[in-house]
Amino acid sequence: MPADGFDLAASLYYNENMPNQAKQLIKDSFIKLLSEKPLSQITVTDIVNESGINRNSFYYHFQDLPGLIESIVFDEMEVLFAKYNTLNSLDECLGAVIEFALSNRRLALHLFNSNNRDIFDQYLMQITDHVIRKYMDVLCSDKTIDPSDREILITYYKSLMFGLTVDWMSSGMDPHIRENFTRLTEIYSGIPEEIVRRVST
């Protein structure tokens, strides 16, 4: 006997949503395991045992453990990009980068101190590039600047922000660093505007 409308809808919902649920379950299980042991001691077997899914399901969604890590970091990065589409100050830029690092603090620290550090550095640089470009859009909105000068300024400010963040993470990611960064941007106030004024035509 053919399934009624309710059964068909339920079946379609199951088929469309279960893969995404399994993918999120894998991510959540991995994050949970990070609270119990170092990244270097976590295996795919640990994750499938924790999540209750089978090994094939893990490899359906992720090529390997680094692939899982990249997916988690990328998710956080997309959320941040959507939230910080406009940035009006260096303080806001630093705040966005700090939020990215703190969104999964344990994962960030594990990555920072592991053989997978390159994954974190890669995405951190993308974050800093994004926030500085958004800031420059605002800073230069009423100025005409040579594109090469603009890129020089972007490279300088994103390198500065990347360095500040790495230094902060090297010291253990003190959650109270926000006050220090705010003070730094207060001291720095007016300098970016003056630099842009000097190079504008």
N, C-alpha and C. Protein backbone atom coordinates (compact mmCIF):
# COMPACT_ATOMS: atom_id res chain seq x y z
N MET A 1 0.85 -1.19 0.00
CA MET A 1 0.00 0.00 0.00
C MET A 1 0.89 1.25 0.00
N PRO A 2 0.64 2.23 -0.88
CA PRO A 2 1.50 3.40 -0.95
C PRO A 2 1.43 4.22 0.32
N ALA A 3 2.53 4.87 0.64
CA ALA A 3 2.57 5.70 1.85
C ALA A 3 1.66 6.89 1.68
N ASP A 4 0.99 7.32 2.78
CA ASP A 4 0.14 8.49 2.69
C ASP A 4 1.02 9.75 2.64
N GLY A 5 0.36 10.91 2.51
CA GLY A 5 1.10 12.17 2.35
C GLY A 5 2.02 12.45 3.51
N PHE A 6 1.57 12.15 4.73
CA PHE A 6 2.38 12.43 5.91
C PHE A 6 3.65 11.59 5.89
N ASP A 7 3.50 10.31 5.60
CA ASP A 7 4.65 9.42 5.56
C ASP A 7 5.64 9.85 4.49
N LEU A 8 5.14 10.29 3.34
CA LEU A 8 6.02 10.72 2.26
C LEU A 8 6.78 11.98 2.67
N ALA A 9 6.09 12.91 3.29
CA ALA A 9 6.74 14.15 3.73
C ALA A 9 7.80 13.85 4.78
N ALA A 10 7.48 12.95 5.70
CA ALA A 10 8.44 12.59 6.75
C ALA A 10 9.67 11.93 6.14
N SER A 11 9.44 11.10 5.12
CA SER A 11 10.55 10.42 4.46
C SER A 11 11.45 11.42 3.74
N LEU A 12 10.82 12.39 3.07
CA LEU A 12 11.60 13.41 2.37
C LEU A 12 12.40 14.25 3.36
N TYR A 13 11.77 14.60 4.49
CA TYR A 13 12.47 15.38 5.50
C TYR A 13 13.66 14.61 6.03
N TYR A 14 13.47 13.33 6.28
CA TYR A 14 14.55 12.49 6.80
C TYR A 14 15.72 12.44 5.81
N ASN A 15 15.39 12.21 4.54
CA ASN A 15 16.44 12.06 3.53
C ASN A 15 17.21 13.37 3.31
N GLU A 16 16.51 14.52 3.42
CA GLU A 16 17.15 15.79 3.16
C GLU A 16 17.93 16.32 4.35
N ASN A 17 17.49 15.97 5.57
CA ASN A 17 18.07 16.59 6.76
C ASN A 17 19.03 15.70 7.53
N MET A 18 18.91 14.39 7.42
CA MET A 18 19.78 13.51 8.20
C MET A 18 21.26 13.69 7.88
N PRO A 19 21.65 13.86 6.59
CA PRO A 19 23.07 14.08 6.33
C PRO A 19 23.62 15.31 7.05
N ASN A 20 22.84 16.41 7.05
CA ASN A 20 23.29 17.61 7.74
C ASN A 20 23.34 17.41 9.24
N GLN A 21 22.39 16.65 9.78
CA GLN A 21 22.39 16.37 11.21
C GLN A 21 23.60 15.53 11.59
N ALA A 22 23.92 14.55 10.75
CA ALA A 22 25.07 13.70 11.02
C ALA A 22 26.37 14.52 10.95
N LYS A 23 26.43 15.42 9.99
CA LYS A 23 27.62 16.27 9.84
C LYS A 23 27.81 17.15 11.07
N GLN A 24 26.71 17.73 11.58
CA GLN A 24 26.80 18.57 12.76
C GLN A 24 27.13 17.75 14.00
N LEU A 25 26.60 16.53 14.06
CA LEU A 25 26.87 15.65 15.19
C LEU A 25 28.36 15.30 15.26
N ILE A 26 28.96 15.09 14.10
CA ILE A 26 30.40 14.81 14.04
C ILE A 26 31.18 16.01 14.58
N LYS A 27 30.79 17.21 14.14
CA LYS A 27 31.48 18.42 14.60
C LYS A 27 31.33 18.60 16.11
N ASP A 28 30.11 18.42 16.61
CA ASP A 28 29.85 18.59 18.05
C ASP A 28 30.63 17.56 18.87
N SER A 29 30.71 16.34 18.36
CA SER A 29 31.44 15.29 19.08
C SER A 29 32.93 15.59 19.12
N PHE A 30 33.44 16.11 18.03
CA PHE A 30 34.86 16.48 17.99
C PHE A 30 35.16 17.59 18.99
N ILE A 31 34.31 18.62 19.02
CA ILE A 31 34.50 19.73 19.96
C ILE A 31 34.44 19.21 21.40
N LYS A 32 33.54 18.29 21.68
CA LYS A 32 33.43 17.72 23.02
C LYS A 32 34.71 16.96 23.39
N LEU A 33 35.23 16.20 22.45
CA LEU A 33 36.46 15.44 22.71
C LEU A 33 37.63 16.36 23.01
N LEU A 34 37.63 17.54 22.40
CA LEU A 34 38.72 18.49 22.64
C LEU A 34 38.75 18.97 24.09
N SER A 35 37.61 18.88 24.77
CA SER A 35 37.58 19.27 26.18
C SER A 35 38.14 18.18 27.08
N GLU A 36 38.39 17.02 26.49
CA GLU A 36 38.84 15.87 27.28
C GLU A 36 40.27 15.45 27.00
N LYS A 37 40.75 15.77 25.79
CA LYS A 37 42.11 15.33 25.44
C LYS A 37 42.71 16.25 24.38
N PRO A 38 44.04 16.23 24.21
CA PRO A 38 44.68 17.07 23.19
C PRO A 38 44.29 16.66 21.78
N LEU A 39 44.40 17.59 20.86
CA LEU A 39 44.07 17.32 19.46
C LEU A 39 44.88 16.15 18.92
N SER A 40 46.13 16.07 19.30
CA SER A 40 47.02 15.00 18.79
C SER A 40 46.56 13.61 19.20
N GLN A 41 45.72 13.51 20.22
CA GLN A 41 45.27 12.21 20.71
C GLN A 41 43.87 11.84 20.23
N ILE A 42 43.26 12.69 19.41
CA ILE A 42 41.91 12.42 18.91
C ILE A 42 41.99 11.77 17.53
N THR A 43 41.29 10.68 17.37
CA THR A 43 41.28 9.95 16.11
C THR A 43 39.86 9.93 15.53
N VAL A 44 39.76 9.53 14.27
CA VAL A 44 38.45 9.37 13.65
C VAL A 44 37.63 8.34 14.41
N THR A 45 38.28 7.29 14.88
CA THR A 45 37.59 6.26 15.67
C THR A 45 36.98 6.87 16.93
N ASP A 46 37.71 7.74 17.59
CA ASP A 46 37.18 8.42 18.78
C ASP A 46 35.91 9.20 18.43
N ILE A 47 35.95 9.88 17.31
CA ILE A 47 34.83 10.73 16.91
C ILE A 47 33.60 9.90 16.58
N VAL A 48 33.78 8.83 15.83
CA VAL A 48 32.61 8.01 15.47
C VAL A 48 32.05 7.29 16.69
N ASN A 49 32.91 6.92 17.61
CA ASN A 49 32.42 6.30 18.84
C ASN A 49 31.64 7.29 19.69
N GLU A 50 32.13 8.52 19.75
CA GLU A 50 31.46 9.56 20.54
C GLU A 50 30.13 9.96 19.91
N SER A 51 30.11 10.07 18.59
CA SER A 51 28.91 10.55 17.90
C SER A 51 27.87 9.46 17.68
N GLY A 52 28.31 8.20 17.65
CA GLY A 52 27.39 7.11 17.40
C GLY A 52 27.11 6.86 15.93
N ILE A 53 27.80 7.60 15.05
CA ILE A 53 27.62 7.35 13.62
C ILE A 53 28.69 6.36 13.16
N ASN A 54 28.51 5.82 11.96
CA ASN A 54 29.51 4.84 11.50
C ASN A 54 30.65 5.55 10.76
N ARG A 55 31.71 4.81 10.58
CA ARG A 55 32.93 5.38 9.98
C ARG A 55 32.69 5.87 8.55
N ASN A 56 31.85 5.13 7.80
CA ASN A 56 31.56 5.54 6.42
C ASN A 56 30.87 6.89 6.38
N SER A 57 30.02 7.14 7.38
CA SER A 57 29.32 8.42 7.45
C SER A 57 30.32 9.56 7.67
N PHE A 58 31.33 9.30 8.51
CA PHE A 58 32.34 10.33 8.72
C PHE A 58 33.03 10.67 7.40
N TYR A 59 33.47 9.64 6.67
CA TYR A 59 34.21 9.88 5.44
C TYR A 59 33.32 10.35 4.29
N TYR A 60 32.00 10.20 4.45
CA TYR A 60 31.08 10.77 3.48
C TYR A 60 31.12 12.30 3.57
N HIS A 61 31.27 12.82 4.79
CA HIS A 61 31.24 14.26 5.02
C HIS A 61 32.62 14.91 5.01
N PHE A 62 33.63 14.17 5.47
CA PHE A 62 34.96 14.76 5.63
C PHE A 62 36.04 13.80 5.11
N GLN A 63 37.02 14.36 4.44
CA GLN A 63 38.08 13.53 3.88
C GLN A 63 38.95 12.93 4.99
N ASP A 64 39.20 13.74 6.01
CA ASP A 64 40.03 13.30 7.12
C ASP A 64 39.84 14.27 8.29
N LEU A 65 40.63 14.10 9.34
CA LEU A 65 40.51 14.96 10.52
C LEU A 65 40.83 16.43 10.20
N PRO A 66 41.92 16.72 9.47
CA PRO A 66 42.16 18.12 9.09
C PRO A 66 40.99 18.72 8.30
N GLY A 67 40.34 17.89 7.47
CA GLY A 67 39.18 18.37 6.71
C GLY A 67 38.03 18.76 7.63
N LEU A 68 37.84 18.00 8.69
CA LEU A 68 36.82 18.32 9.69
C LEU A 68 37.16 19.64 10.39
N ILE A 69 38.40 19.79 10.77
CA ILE A 69 38.84 21.02 11.44
C ILE A 69 38.62 22.23 10.54
N GLU A 70 39.01 22.11 9.28
CA GLU A 70 38.84 23.21 8.34
C GLU A 70 37.37 23.58 8.19
N SER A 71 36.49 22.58 8.19
CA SER A 71 35.07 22.83 8.05
C SER A 71 34.53 23.63 9.23
N ILE A 72 34.97 23.27 10.44
CA ILE A 72 34.53 23.97 11.64
C ILE A 72 35.00 25.42 11.62
N VAL A 73 36.27 25.61 11.28
CA VAL A 73 36.83 26.97 11.24
C VAL A 73 36.15 27.79 10.14
N PHE A 74 35.88 27.16 9.01
CA PHE A 74 35.23 27.86 7.90
C PHE A 74 33.82 28.30 8.29
N ASP A 75 33.10 27.44 9.02
CA ASP A 75 31.75 27.80 9.48
C ASP A 75 31.80 29.05 10.34
N GLU A 76 32.75 29.10 11.27
CA GLU A 76 32.88 30.26 12.14
C GLU A 76 33.25 31.51 11.34
N MET A 77 34.06 31.32 10.33
CA MET A 77 34.48 32.43 9.50
C MET A 77 33.30 33.01 8.71
N GLU A 78 32.45 32.14 8.17
CA GLU A 78 31.28 32.61 7.42
C GLU A 78 30.33 33.40 8.31
N VAL A 79 30.13 32.93 9.55
CA VAL A 79 29.27 33.64 10.49
C VAL A 79 29.83 35.03 10.76
N LEU A 80 31.14 35.09 10.93
CA LEU A 80 31.79 36.37 11.21
C LEU A 80 31.69 37.32 10.03
N PHE A 81 31.88 36.82 8.82
CA PHE A 81 31.79 37.65 7.62
C PHE A 81 30.39 38.25 7.49
N ALA A 82 29.38 37.43 7.80
CA ALA A 82 28.00 37.91 7.69
C ALA A 82 27.72 38.98 8.74
N LYS A 83 28.27 38.80 9.93
CA LYS A 83 28.01 39.72 11.04
C LYS A 83 28.75 41.04 10.86
N TYR A 84 30.01 40.95 10.40
CA TYR A 84 30.84 42.15 10.27
C TYR A 84 31.01 42.54 8.81
N ASN A 85 29.92 42.99 8.22
CA ASN A 85 29.97 43.40 6.82
C ASN A 85 30.43 44.84 6.68
N THR A 86 30.31 45.60 7.77
CA THR A 86 30.79 46.98 7.80
C THR A 86 31.55 47.20 9.10
N LEU A 87 32.73 47.79 9.01
CA LEU A 87 33.54 48.05 10.19
C LEU A 87 34.01 49.50 10.14
N ASN A 88 33.80 50.21 11.24
CA ASN A 88 34.04 51.65 11.25
C ASN A 88 35.30 52.08 11.99
N SER A 89 36.00 51.15 12.63
CA SER A 89 37.19 51.52 13.39
C SER A 89 38.11 50.32 13.55
N LEU A 90 39.37 50.60 13.90
CA LEU A 90 40.30 49.51 14.17
C LEU A 90 39.87 48.72 15.39
N ASP A 91 39.22 49.38 16.35
CA ASP A 91 38.72 48.68 17.53
C ASP A 91 37.70 47.63 17.13
N GLU A 92 36.81 47.96 16.21
CA GLU A 92 35.83 47.00 15.74
C GLU A 92 36.52 45.86 14.99
N CYS A 93 37.55 46.18 14.22
CA CYS A 93 38.30 45.15 13.50
C CYS A 93 38.93 44.16 14.47
N LEU A 94 39.60 44.69 15.50
CA LEU A 94 40.22 43.82 16.49
C LEU A 94 39.16 42.99 17.22
N GLY A 95 38.03 43.61 17.51
CA GLY A 95 36.95 42.90 18.17
C GLY A 95 36.46 41.72 17.35
N ALA A 96 36.37 41.90 16.03
CA ALA A 96 35.93 40.83 15.14
C ALA A 96 36.92 39.68 15.13
N VAL A 97 38.21 40.00 15.09
CA VAL A 97 39.25 38.96 15.07
C VAL A 97 39.27 38.21 16.40
N ILE A 98 39.12 38.94 17.51
CA ILE A 98 39.08 38.29 18.83
C ILE A 98 37.88 37.36 18.92
N GLU A 99 36.74 37.82 18.42
CA GLU A 99 35.54 36.99 18.45
C GLU A 99 35.75 35.69 17.67
N PHE A 100 36.40 35.80 16.52
CA PHE A 100 36.68 34.61 15.72
C PHE A 100 37.52 33.60 16.50
N ALA A 101 38.56 34.10 17.18
CA ALA A 101 39.44 33.21 17.94
C ALA A 101 38.73 32.62 19.15
N LEU A 102 37.88 33.41 19.81
CA LEU A 102 37.22 32.96 21.03
C LEU A 102 35.98 32.10 20.76
N SER A 103 35.46 32.13 19.54
CA SER A 103 34.23 31.40 19.24
C SER A 103 34.41 29.90 19.49
N ASN A 104 35.60 29.40 19.24
CA ASN A 104 35.95 28.03 19.62
C ASN A 104 37.34 28.08 20.24
N ARG A 105 37.40 28.65 21.44
CA ARG A 105 38.68 28.93 22.08
C ARG A 105 39.56 27.69 22.21
N ARG A 106 38.95 26.59 22.65
CA ARG A 106 39.73 25.37 22.84
C ARG A 106 40.30 24.85 21.53
N LEU A 107 39.46 24.85 20.49
CA LEU A 107 39.93 24.40 19.18
C LEU A 107 41.03 25.32 18.67
N ALA A 108 40.83 26.64 18.84
CA ALA A 108 41.83 27.60 18.37
C ALA A 108 43.17 27.37 19.04
N LEU A 109 43.17 27.17 20.35
CA LEU A 109 44.42 26.94 21.07
C LEU A 109 45.07 25.63 20.69
N HIS A 110 44.24 24.59 20.52
CA HIS A 110 44.78 23.29 20.10
C HIS A 110 45.44 23.41 18.73
N LEU A 111 44.76 24.09 17.80
CA LEU A 111 45.33 24.27 16.46
C LEU A 111 46.60 25.09 16.51
N PHE A 112 46.56 26.14 17.30
CA PHE A 112 47.69 27.05 17.41
C PHE A 112 48.94 26.34 17.90
N ASN A 113 48.75 25.33 18.75
CA ASN A 113 49.88 24.62 19.35
C ASN A 113 50.08 23.22 18.77
N SER A 114 49.61 23.00 17.54
CA SER A 114 49.71 21.67 16.95
C SER A 114 50.38 21.70 15.59
N ASN A 115 50.51 20.53 15.00
CA ASN A 115 51.07 20.42 13.65
C ASN A 115 50.11 20.98 12.59
N ASN A 116 48.85 21.24 13.01
CA ASN A 116 47.87 21.80 12.09
C ASN A 116 47.78 23.32 12.21
N ARG A 117 48.81 23.93 12.76
CA ARG A 117 48.81 25.39 12.95
C ARG A 117 48.57 26.14 11.64
N ASP A 118 49.03 25.58 10.54
CA ASP A 118 48.88 26.26 9.26
C ASP A 118 47.42 26.49 8.89
N ILE A 119 46.53 25.56 9.34
CA ILE A 119 45.10 25.73 9.06
C ILE A 119 44.58 26.98 9.75
N PHE A 120 44.94 27.12 11.03
CA PHE A 120 44.47 28.28 11.78
C PHE A 120 45.06 29.56 11.21
N ASP A 121 46.35 29.57 10.92
CA ASP A 121 47.00 30.77 10.38
C ASP A 121 46.35 31.20 9.06
N GLN A 122 46.03 30.22 8.24
CA GLN A 122 45.43 30.51 6.94
C GLN A 122 44.11 31.24 7.10
N TYR A 123 43.25 30.72 7.98
CA TYR A 123 41.95 31.35 8.16
C TYR A 123 42.04 32.64 8.96
N LEU A 124 42.96 32.71 9.90
CA LEU A 124 43.15 33.96 10.64
C LEU A 124 43.57 35.08 9.69
N MET A 125 44.43 34.77 8.75
CA MET A 125 44.85 35.78 7.78
C MET A 125 43.68 36.19 6.88
N GLN A 126 42.82 35.25 6.53
CA GLN A 126 41.64 35.59 5.74
C GLN A 126 40.70 36.49 6.51
N ILE A 127 40.56 36.22 7.81
CA ILE A 127 39.71 37.05 8.66
C ILE A 127 40.27 38.46 8.74
N THR A 128 41.57 38.58 9.03
CA THR A 128 42.17 39.91 9.15
C THR A 128 42.09 40.66 7.82
N ASP A 129 42.28 39.97 6.73
CA ASP A 129 42.16 40.61 5.42
C ASP A 129 40.75 41.13 5.21
N HIS A 130 39.76 40.33 5.56
CA HIS A 130 38.36 40.73 5.39
C HIS A 130 38.02 41.96 6.21
N VAL A 131 38.36 41.93 7.50
CA VAL A 131 37.96 43.05 8.36
C VAL A 131 38.69 44.34 7.99
N ILE A 132 39.94 44.23 7.59
CA ILE A 132 40.67 45.44 7.20
C ILE A 132 40.13 46.00 5.89
N ARG A 133 39.77 45.16 4.96
CA ARG A 133 39.20 45.66 3.69
C ARG A 133 37.86 46.35 3.96
N LYS A 134 37.05 45.80 4.85
CA LYS A 134 35.78 46.44 5.19
C LYS A 134 36.03 47.78 5.87
N TYR A 135 37.03 47.83 6.72
CA TYR A 135 37.39 49.08 7.40
C TYR A 135 37.89 50.11 6.39
N MET A 136 38.72 49.69 5.45
CA MET A 136 39.24 50.60 4.44
C MET A 136 38.13 51.13 3.54
N ASP A 137 37.10 50.31 3.29
CA ASP A 137 35.96 50.78 2.50
C ASP A 137 35.33 52.00 3.16
N VAL A 138 35.20 51.94 4.49
CA VAL A 138 34.61 53.06 5.24
C VAL A 138 35.59 54.23 5.31
N LEU A 139 36.85 53.91 5.63
CA LEU A 139 37.86 54.95 5.83
C LEU A 139 38.09 55.75 4.56
N CYS A 140 37.97 55.10 3.41
CA CYS A 140 38.28 55.76 2.13
C CYS A 140 37.02 56.10 1.33
N SER A 141 35.87 56.04 1.98
CA SER A 141 34.62 56.23 1.25
C SER A 141 34.53 57.59 0.55
N ASP A 142 35.13 58.61 1.14
CA ASP A 142 35.05 59.94 0.52
C ASP A 142 36.42 60.40 0.01
N LYS A 143 37.33 59.44 -0.20
CA LYS A 143 38.68 59.77 -0.68
C LYS A 143 38.97 58.99 -1.95
N THR A 144 39.87 59.55 -2.77
CA THR A 144 40.35 58.83 -3.95
C THR A 144 41.79 58.41 -3.69
N ILE A 145 42.03 57.11 -3.67
CA ILE A 145 43.35 56.58 -3.35
C ILE A 145 43.80 55.65 -4.47
N ASP A 146 45.06 55.76 -4.82
CA ASP A 146 45.63 54.86 -5.81
C ASP A 146 45.48 53.42 -5.33
N PRO A 147 45.01 52.50 -6.17
CA PRO A 147 44.80 51.10 -5.76
C PRO A 147 46.04 50.46 -5.14
N SER A 148 47.23 50.80 -5.65
CA SER A 148 48.45 50.20 -5.10
C SER A 148 48.71 50.71 -3.68
N ASP A 149 48.42 52.00 -3.43
CA ASP A 149 48.56 52.54 -2.08
C ASP A 149 47.56 51.87 -1.13
N ARG A 150 46.36 51.66 -1.62
CA ARG A 150 45.33 51.00 -0.81
C ARG A 150 45.78 49.60 -0.40
N GLU A 151 46.35 48.85 -1.34
CA GLU A 151 46.81 47.50 -1.04
C GLU A 151 47.96 47.51 -0.04
N ILE A 152 48.84 48.54 -0.15
CA ILE A 152 49.94 48.66 0.81
C ILE A 152 49.39 48.87 2.22
N LEU A 153 48.39 49.73 2.34
CA LEU A 153 47.77 50.00 3.65
C LEU A 153 47.07 48.75 4.19
N ILE A 154 46.37 48.04 3.33
CA ILE A 154 45.68 46.81 3.75
C ILE A 154 46.69 45.79 4.25
N THR A 155 47.78 45.62 3.50
CA THR A 155 48.82 44.66 3.91
C THR A 155 49.41 45.04 5.26
N TYR A 156 49.66 46.33 5.46
CA TYR A 156 50.23 46.79 6.73
C TYR A 156 49.29 46.52 7.89
N TYR A 157 48.04 46.93 7.76
CA TYR A 157 47.10 46.82 8.88
C TYR A 157 46.70 45.37 9.17
N LYS A 158 46.57 44.55 8.12
CA LYS A 158 46.21 43.16 8.41
C LYS A 158 47.40 42.42 9.03
N SER A 159 48.62 42.78 8.63
CA SER A 159 49.80 42.16 9.25
C SER A 159 49.92 42.58 10.71
N LEU A 160 49.61 43.85 10.99
CA LEU A 160 49.62 44.34 12.36
C LEU A 160 48.60 43.58 13.21
N MET A 161 47.41 43.42 12.67
CA MET A 161 46.34 42.75 13.40
C MET A 161 46.65 41.26 13.58
N PHE A 162 47.18 40.64 12.54
CA PHE A 162 47.56 39.23 12.62
C PHE A 162 48.62 39.05 13.71
N GLY A 163 49.61 39.93 13.72
CA GLY A 163 50.68 39.82 14.72
C GLY A 163 50.18 40.00 16.14
N LEU A 164 49.28 40.98 16.34
CA LEU A 164 48.71 41.20 17.67
C LEU A 164 47.94 39.97 18.14
N THR A 165 47.19 39.37 17.22
CA THR A 165 46.38 38.20 17.57
C THR A 165 47.27 37.01 17.91
N VAL A 166 48.30 36.78 17.12
CA VAL A 166 49.21 35.67 17.37
C VAL A 166 49.92 35.85 18.70
N ASP A 167 50.35 37.08 19.00
CA ASP A 167 51.00 37.35 20.28
C ASP A 167 50.05 37.08 21.43
N TRP A 168 48.80 37.48 21.28
CA TRP A 168 47.76 37.24 22.29
C TRP A 168 47.54 35.74 22.50
N MET A 169 47.49 34.98 21.40
CA MET A 169 47.27 33.54 21.50
C MET A 169 48.49 32.84 22.11
N SER A 170 49.67 33.34 21.83
CA SER A 170 50.89 32.75 22.39
C SER A 170 50.91 32.85 23.91
N SER A 171 50.21 33.87 24.45
CA SER A 171 50.18 34.05 25.90
C SER A 171 48.97 33.39 26.54
N GLY A 172 48.22 32.57 25.76
CA GLY A 172 47.11 31.81 26.33
C GLY A 172 45.74 32.37 26.11
N MET A 173 45.59 33.42 25.29
CA MET A 173 44.29 33.99 24.96
C MET A 173 43.55 34.53 26.19
N ASP A 174 44.19 35.43 26.90
CA ASP A 174 43.54 36.07 28.05
C ASP A 174 42.24 36.73 27.58
N PRO A 175 41.07 36.32 28.13
CA PRO A 175 39.80 36.88 27.67
C PRO A 175 39.63 38.37 27.99
N HIS A 176 40.50 38.92 28.86
CA HIS A 176 40.39 40.33 29.21
C HIS A 176 41.23 41.22 28.29
N ILE A 177 41.80 40.63 27.25
CA ILE A 177 42.66 41.40 26.34
C ILE A 177 41.88 42.50 25.62
N ARG A 178 40.56 42.37 25.58
CA ARG A 178 39.73 43.36 24.86
C ARG A 178 39.99 44.77 25.37
N GLU A 179 40.14 44.92 26.69
CA GLU A 179 40.39 46.25 27.26
C GLU A 179 41.73 46.81 26.78
N ASN A 180 42.74 45.95 26.73
CA ASN A 180 44.06 46.40 26.26
C ASN A 180 44.02 46.81 24.79
N PHE A 181 43.32 46.03 23.98
CA PHE A 181 43.21 46.35 22.57
C PHE A 181 42.43 47.65 22.35
N THR A 182 41.40 47.84 23.16
CA THR A 182 40.63 49.08 23.06
C THR A 182 41.51 50.28 23.40
N ARG A 183 42.33 50.13 24.44
CA ARG A 183 43.25 51.22 24.81
C ARG A 183 44.25 51.48 23.69
N LEU A 184 44.73 50.41 23.06
CA LEU A 184 45.68 50.56 21.96
C LEU A 184 45.06 51.36 20.82
N THR A 185 43.82 51.06 20.48
CA THR A 185 43.17 51.77 19.38
C THR A 185 42.86 53.22 19.77
N GLU A 186 42.66 53.47 21.06
CA GLU A 186 42.48 54.85 21.52
C GLU A 186 43.77 55.65 21.29
N ILE A 187 44.90 55.03 21.65
CA ILE A 187 46.20 55.68 21.45
C ILE A 187 46.45 55.91 19.96
N TYR A 188 46.01 54.96 19.15
CA TYR A 188 46.23 54.98 17.70
C TYR A 188 45.23 55.87 16.98
N SER A 189 44.25 56.39 17.71
CA SER A 189 43.15 57.15 17.10
C SER A 189 43.66 58.31 16.23
N GLY A 190 43.09 58.41 15.04
CA GLY A 190 43.41 59.50 14.13
C GLY A 190 44.54 59.20 13.16
N ILE A 191 45.39 58.23 13.50
CA ILE A 191 46.54 57.93 12.64
C ILE A 191 46.10 57.33 11.31
N PRO A 192 45.21 56.32 11.29
CA PRO A 192 44.78 55.78 9.98
C PRO A 192 44.16 56.85 9.10
N GLU A 193 43.34 57.72 9.69
CA GLU A 193 42.70 58.79 8.92
C GLU A 193 43.74 59.75 8.33
N GLU A 194 44.78 60.04 9.11
CA GLU A 194 45.83 60.93 8.62
C GLU A 194 46.62 60.28 7.48
N ILE A 195 46.89 58.99 7.63
CA ILE A 195 47.63 58.29 6.56
C ILE A 195 46.82 58.30 5.26
N VAL A 196 45.54 58.03 5.38
CA VAL A 196 44.68 58.03 4.19
C VAL A 196 44.62 59.43 3.57
N ARG A 197 44.56 60.45 4.40
CA ARG A 197 44.54 61.83 3.90
C ARG A 197 45.81 62.13 3.10
N ARG A 198 46.96 61.63 3.60
CA ARG A 198 48.24 61.91 2.93
C ARG A 198 48.35 61.25 1.56
N VAL A 199 47.76 60.07 1.42
CA VAL A 199 47.91 59.35 0.15
C VAL A 199 46.74 59.60 -0.81
N SER A 200 45.72 60.30 -0.33
CA SER A 200 44.56 60.54 -1.20
C SER A 200 44.88 61.63 -2.22
N THR A 201 44.19 61.59 -3.33
CA THR A 201 44.43 62.56 -4.42
C THR A 201 43.21 63.44 -4.63
